[in-house]
Amino acid sequence: MRALLWLLLAASVVANVFISTFAGWTGGLQVAGSVCTGTVLLGSAAGLWLTRPHDGARS
């Protein structure tokens, strides 16, 4: 599960960089792409945070 969340996190960052720089999208299409990849990024980050190990050790 965590491996899939890490994969989604990395893929969303790469997709967002691609959309912002190389895709050549402008206007609403670029905004829509960034919103979609940002939603995946936030969702996977929240999933990783919720599934973090609870071992009681704090640093």
PDB file of N, CA and C in Angstrom:
ATOM      1  N   MET A   1       0.830  -1.194   0.000  1.00  0.00           N
ATOM      2  CA  MET A   1       0.000   0.000   0.000  1.00  0.00           C
ATOM      3  C   MET A   1       0.871   1.253   0.000  1.00  0.00           C
ATOM      4  N   ARG A   2       1.844   1.286   0.934  1.00  0.00           N
ATOM      5  CA  ARG A   2       2.692   2.469   1.007  1.00  0.00           C
ATOM      6  C   ARG A   2       3.535   2.625  -0.252  1.00  0.00           C
ATOM      7  N   ALA A   3       3.953   1.511  -0.843  1.00  0.00           N
ATOM      8  CA  ALA A   3       4.735   1.591  -2.081  1.00  0.00           C
ATOM      9  C   ALA A   3       3.910   2.236  -3.197  1.00  0.00           C
ATOM     10  N   LEU A   4       2.640   1.876  -3.282  1.00  0.00           N
ATOM     11  CA  LEU A   4       1.756   2.476  -4.291  1.00  0.00           C
ATOM     12  C   LEU A   4       1.568   3.968  -4.034  1.00  0.00           C
ATOM     13  N   LEU A   5       1.435   4.350  -2.765  1.00  0.00           N
ATOM     14  CA  LEU A   5       1.290   5.764  -2.437  1.00  0.00           C
ATOM     15  C   LEU A   5       2.552   6.549  -2.786  1.00  0.00           C
ATOM     16  N   TRP A   6       3.720   5.955  -2.517  1.00  0.00           N
ATOM     17  CA  TRP A   6       4.974   6.618  -2.904  1.00  0.00           C
ATOM     18  C   TRP A   6       5.067   6.758  -4.425  1.00  0.00           C
ATOM     19  N   LEU A   7       4.641   5.727  -5.138  1.00  0.00           N
ATOM     20  CA  LEU A   7       4.654   5.776  -6.600  1.00  0.00           C
ATOM     21  C   LEU A   7       3.725   6.871  -7.117  1.00  0.00           C
ATOM     22  N   LEU A   8       2.535   6.976  -6.545  1.00  0.00           N
ATOM     23  CA  LEU A   8       1.598   8.032  -6.944  1.00  0.00           C
ATOM     24  C   LEU A   8       2.154   9.415  -6.639  1.00  0.00           C
ATOM     25  N   LEU A   9       2.806   9.555  -5.490  1.00  0.00           N
ATOM     26  CA  LEU A   9       3.389  10.843  -5.121  1.00  0.00           C
ATOM     27  C   LEU A   9       4.448  11.261  -6.136  1.00  0.00           C
ATOM     28  N   ALA A  10       5.354  10.346  -6.449  1.00  0.00           N
ATOM     29  CA  ALA A  10       6.420  10.652  -7.409  1.00  0.00           C
ATOM     30  C   ALA A  10       5.855  10.916  -8.803  1.00  0.00           C
ATOM     31  N   ALA A  11       4.885  10.119  -9.218  1.00  0.00           N
ATOM     32  CA  ALA A  11       4.291  10.297 -10.545  1.00  0.00           C
ATOM     33  C   ALA A  11       3.568  11.631 -10.661  1.00  0.00           C
ATOM     34  N   SER A  12       2.915  12.056  -9.588  1.00  0.00           N
ATOM     35  CA  SER A  12       2.197  13.332  -9.654  1.00  0.00           C
ATOM     36  C   SER A  12       3.166  14.509  -9.732  1.00  0.00           C
ATOM     37  N   VAL A  13       4.306  14.401  -9.049  1.00  0.00           N
ATOM     38  CA  VAL A  13       5.307  15.471  -9.145  1.00  0.00           C
ATOM     39  C   VAL A  13       5.866  15.539 -10.555  1.00  0.00           C
ATOM     40  N   VAL A  14       6.208  14.378 -11.121  1.00  0.00           N
ATOM     41  CA  VAL A  14       6.751  14.341 -12.486  1.00  0.00           C
ATOM     42  C   VAL A  14       5.713  14.845 -13.486  1.00  0.00           C
ATOM     43  N   ALA A  15       4.471  14.440 -13.329  1.00  0.00           N
ATOM     44  CA  ALA A  15       3.412  14.887 -14.242  1.00  0.00           C
ATOM     45  C   ALA A  15       3.194  16.389 -14.145  1.00  0.00           C
ATOM     46  N   ASN A  16       3.253  16.932 -12.927  1.00  0.00           N
ATOM     47  CA  ASN A  16       3.059  18.367 -12.759  1.00  0.00           C
ATOM     48  C   ASN A  16       4.197  19.153 -13.404  1.00  0.00           C
ATOM     49  N   VAL A  17       5.419  18.686 -13.248  1.00  0.00           N
ATOM     50  CA  VAL A  17       6.555  19.352 -13.906  1.00  0.00           C
ATOM     51  C   VAL A  17       6.401  19.274 -15.413  1.00  0.00           C
ATOM     52  N   PHE A  18       5.989  18.118 -15.919  1.00  0.00           N
ATOM     53  CA  PHE A  18       5.793  17.975 -17.363  1.00  0.00           C
ATOM     54  C   PHE A  18       4.720  18.924 -17.873  1.00  0.00           C
ATOM     55  N   ILE A  19       3.602  18.992 -17.168  1.00  0.00           N
ATOM     56  CA  ILE A  19       2.506  19.863 -17.589  1.00  0.00           C
ATOM     57  C   ILE A  19       2.924  21.328 -17.543  1.00  0.00           C
ATOM     58  N   SER A  20       3.678  21.696 -16.516  1.00  0.00           N
ATOM     59  CA  SER A  20       4.050  23.097 -16.349  1.00  0.00           C
ATOM     60  C   SER A  20       5.119  23.561 -17.332  1.00  0.00           C
ATOM     61  N   THR A  21       5.988  22.647 -17.780  1.00  0.00           N
ATOM     62  CA  THR A  21       7.112  23.096 -18.592  1.00  0.00           C
ATOM     63  C   THR A  21       7.137  22.545 -20.012  1.00  0.00           C
ATOM     64  N   PHE A  22       6.861  21.268 -20.206  1.00  0.00           N
ATOM     65  CA  PHE A  22       7.102  20.651 -21.509  1.00  0.00           C
ATOM     66  C   PHE A  22       5.856  20.426 -22.348  1.00  0.00           C
ATOM     67  N   ALA A  23       4.693  20.358 -21.744  1.00  0.00           N
ATOM     68  CA  ALA A  23       3.491  19.977 -22.488  1.00  0.00           C
ATOM     69  C   ALA A  23       3.010  21.075 -23.439  1.00  0.00           C
ATOM     70  N   GLY A  24       3.336  22.309 -23.144  1.00  0.00           N
ATOM     71  CA  GLY A  24       2.891  23.393 -23.999  1.00  0.00           C
ATOM     72  C   GLY A  24       1.438  23.764 -23.792  1.00  0.00           C
ATOM     73  N   TRP A  25       0.869  23.294 -22.699  1.00  0.00           N
ATOM     74  CA  TRP A  25      -0.518  23.639 -22.390  1.00  0.00           C
ATOM     75  C   TRP A  25      -0.587  25.061 -21.858  1.00  0.00           C
ATOM     76  N   THR A  26      -1.656  25.754 -22.194  1.00  0.00           N
ATOM     77  CA  THR A  26      -1.841  27.122 -21.708  1.00  0.00           C
ATOM     78  C   THR A  26      -3.258  27.287 -21.183  1.00  0.00           C
ATOM     79  N   GLY A  27      -3.425  28.292 -20.384  1.00  0.00           N
ATOM     80  CA  GLY A  27      -4.760  28.664 -19.905  1.00  0.00           C
ATOM     81  C   GLY A  27      -5.427  27.612 -19.045  1.00  0.00           C
ATOM     82  N   GLY A  28      -6.689  27.377 -19.344  1.00  0.00           N
ATOM     83  CA  GLY A  28      -7.509  26.478 -18.543  1.00  0.00           C
ATOM     84  C   GLY A  28      -7.027  25.037 -18.557  1.00  0.00           C
ATOM     85  N   LEU A  29      -6.447  24.613 -19.663  1.00  0.00           N
ATOM     86  CA  LEU A  29      -5.947  23.241 -19.747  1.00  0.00           C
ATOM     87  C   LEU A  29      -4.787  23.020 -18.786  1.00  0.00           C
ATOM     88  N   GLN A  30      -3.893  24.005 -18.690  1.00  0.00           N
ATOM     89  CA  GLN A  30      -2.775  23.902 -17.749  1.00  0.00           C
ATOM     90  C   GLN A  30      -3.278  23.935 -16.306  1.00  0.00           C
ATOM     91  N   VAL A  31      -4.239  24.781 -16.026  1.00  0.00           N
ATOM     92  CA  VAL A  31      -4.809  24.855 -14.675  1.00  0.00           C
ATOM     93  C   VAL A  31      -5.473  23.532 -14.318  1.00  0.00           C
ATOM     94  N   ALA A  32      -6.256  22.974 -15.235  1.00  0.00           N
ATOM     95  CA  ALA A  32      -6.933  21.703 -14.970  1.00  0.00           C
ATOM     96  C   ALA A  32      -5.927  20.578 -14.726  1.00  0.00           C
ATOM     97  N   GLY A  33      -4.874  20.529 -15.514  1.00  0.00           N
ATOM     98  CA  GLY A  33      -3.843  19.514 -15.315  1.00  0.00           C
ATOM     99  C   GLY A  33      -3.131  19.669 -13.994  1.00  0.00           C
ATOM    100  N   SER A  34      -2.827  20.900 -13.618  1.00  0.00           N
ATOM    101  CA  SER A  34      -2.164  21.143 -12.345  1.00  0.00           C
ATOM    102  C   SER A  34      -3.072  20.821 -11.166  1.00  0.00           C
ATOM    103  N   VAL A  35      -4.354  21.111 -11.299  1.00  0.00           N
ATOM    104  CA  VAL A  35      -5.299  20.788 -10.223  1.00  0.00           C
ATOM    105  C   VAL A  35      -5.395  19.274 -10.058  1.00  0.00           C
ATOM    106  N   CYS A  36      -5.472  18.548 -11.147  1.00  0.00           N
ATOM    107  CA  CYS A  36      -5.566  17.086 -11.067  1.00  0.00           C
ATOM    108  C   CYS A  36      -4.310  16.477 -10.449  1.00  0.00           C
ATOM    109  N   THR A  37      -3.146  16.894 -10.914  1.00  0.00           N
ATOM    110  CA  THR A  37      -1.914  16.333 -10.343  1.00  0.00           C
ATOM    111  C   THR A  37      -1.723  16.782  -8.898  1.00  0.00           C
ATOM    112  N   GLY A  38      -2.141  17.982  -8.573  1.00  0.00           N
ATOM    113  CA  GLY A  38      -2.050  18.443  -7.194  1.00  0.00           C
ATOM    114  C   GLY A  38      -2.968  17.669  -6.267  1.00  0.00           C
ATOM    115  N   THR A  39      -4.144  17.313  -6.758  1.00  0.00           N
ATOM    116  CA  THR A  39      -5.069  16.515  -5.966  1.00  0.00           C
ATOM    117  C   THR A  39      -4.489  15.125  -5.684  1.00  0.00           C
ATOM    118  N   VAL A  40      -3.883  14.520  -6.697  1.00  0.00           N
ATOM    119  CA  VAL A  40      -3.247  13.213  -6.505  1.00  0.00           C
ATOM    120  C   VAL A  40      -2.084  13.338  -5.530  1.00  0.00           C
ATOM    121  N   LEU A  41      -1.303  14.399  -5.641  1.00  0.00           N
ATOM    122  CA  LEU A  41      -0.179  14.612  -4.737  1.00  0.00           C
ATOM    123  C   LEU A  41      -0.654  14.749  -3.296  1.00  0.00           C
ATOM    124  N   LEU A  42      -1.647  15.584  -3.065  1.00  0.00           N
ATOM    125  CA  LEU A  42      -2.151  15.781  -1.703  1.00  0.00           C
ATOM    126  C   LEU A  42      -2.799  14.506  -1.155  1.00  0.00           C
ATOM    127  N   GLY A  43      -3.507  13.793  -2.001  1.00  0.00           N
ATOM    128  CA  GLY A  43      -4.129  12.550  -1.558  1.00  0.00           C
ATOM    129  C   GLY A  43      -3.111  11.488  -1.184  1.00  0.00           C
ATOM    130  N   SER A  44      -2.067  11.344  -1.988  1.00  0.00           N
ATOM    131  CA  SER A  44      -1.051  10.346  -1.666  1.00  0.00           C
ATOM    132  C   SER A  44      -0.239  10.766  -0.450  1.00  0.00           C
ATOM    133  N   ALA A  45       0.034  12.057  -0.302  1.00  0.00           N
ATOM    134  CA  ALA A  45       0.748  12.526   0.892  1.00  0.00           C
ATOM    135  C   ALA A  45      -0.083  12.283   2.147  1.00  0.00           C
ATOM    136  N   ALA A  46      -1.381  12.536   2.070  1.00  0.00           N
ATOM    137  CA  ALA A  46      -2.254  12.275   3.220  1.00  0.00           C
ATOM    138  C   ALA A  46      -2.320  10.782   3.519  1.00  0.00           C
ATOM    139  N   GLY A  47      -2.377   9.963   2.489  1.00  0.00           N
ATOM    140  CA  GLY A  47      -2.377   8.513   2.689  1.00  0.00           C
ATOM    141  C   GLY A  47      -1.098   8.028   3.330  1.00  0.00           C
ATOM    142  N   LEU A  48       0.032   8.575   2.906  1.00  0.00           N
ATOM    143  CA  LEU A  48       1.305   8.202   3.528  1.00  0.00           C
ATOM    144  C   LEU A  48       1.347   8.635   4.987  1.00  0.00           C
ATOM    145  N   TRP A  49       0.822   9.790   5.266  1.00  0.00           N
ATOM    146  CA  TRP A  49       0.822  10.279   6.643  1.00  0.00           C
ATOM    147  C   TRP A  49      -0.090   9.425   7.524  1.00  0.00           C
ATOM    148  N   LEU A  50      -1.240   9.044   6.988  1.00  0.00           N
ATOM    149  CA  LEU A  50      -2.175   8.243   7.765  1.00  0.00           C
ATOM    150  C   LEU A  50      -1.688   6.810   7.980  1.00  0.00           C
ATOM    151  N   THR A  51      -0.857   6.299   7.091  1.00  0.00           N
ATOM    152  CA  THR A  51      -0.361   4.933   7.210  1.00  0.00           C
ATOM    153  C   THR A  51       1.057   4.876   7.765  1.00  0.00           C
ATOM    154  N   ARG A  52       1.532   5.959   8.347  1.00  0.00           N
ATOM    155  CA  ARG A  52       2.883   5.949   8.918  1.00  0.00           C
ATOM    156  C   ARG A  52       2.952   4.978  10.092  1.00  0.00           C
ATOM    157  N   PRO A  53       4.124   4.426  10.340  1.00  0.00           N
ATOM    158  CA  PRO A  53       4.253   3.490  11.462  1.00  0.00           C
ATOM    159  C   PRO A  53       4.102   4.195  12.799  1.00  0.00           C
ATOM    160  N   HIS A  54       3.377   3.580  13.705  1.00  0.00           N
ATOM    161  CA  HIS A  54       3.164   4.126  15.045  1.00  0.00           C
ATOM    162  C   HIS A  54       3.963   3.286  16.039  1.00  0.00           C
ATOM    163  N   ASP A  55       5.251   3.549  16.151  1.00  0.00           N
ATOM    164  CA  ASP A  55       6.074   2.747  17.045  1.00  0.00           C
ATOM    165  C   ASP A  55       6.294   3.432  18.410  1.00  0.00           C
ATOM    166  N   GLY A  56       5.790   4.624  18.579  1.00  0.00           N
ATOM    167  CA  GLY A  56       5.920   5.325  19.852  1.00  0.00           C
ATOM    168  C   GLY A  56       7.221   6.078  20.004  1.00  0.00           C
ATOM    169  N   ALA A  57       8.162   5.863  19.121  1.00  0.00           N
ATOM    170  CA  ALA A  57       9.443   6.580  19.212  1.00  0.00           C
ATOM    171  C   ALA A  57       9.310   7.930  18.533  1.00  0.00           C
ATOM    172  N   ARG A  58       9.643   8.964  19.249  1.00  0.00           N
ATOM    173  CA  ARG A  58       9.602  10.323  18.699  1.00  0.00           C
ATOM    174  C   ARG A  58      11.017  10.849  18.607  1.00  0.00           C
ATOM    175  N   SER A  59      11.313  11.537  17.508  1.00  0.00           N
ATOM    176  CA  SER A  59      12.644  12.131  17.406  1.00  0.00           C
ATOM    177  C   SER A  59      12.561  13.636  17.401  1.00  0.00           C
TER     178      SER A  59
END
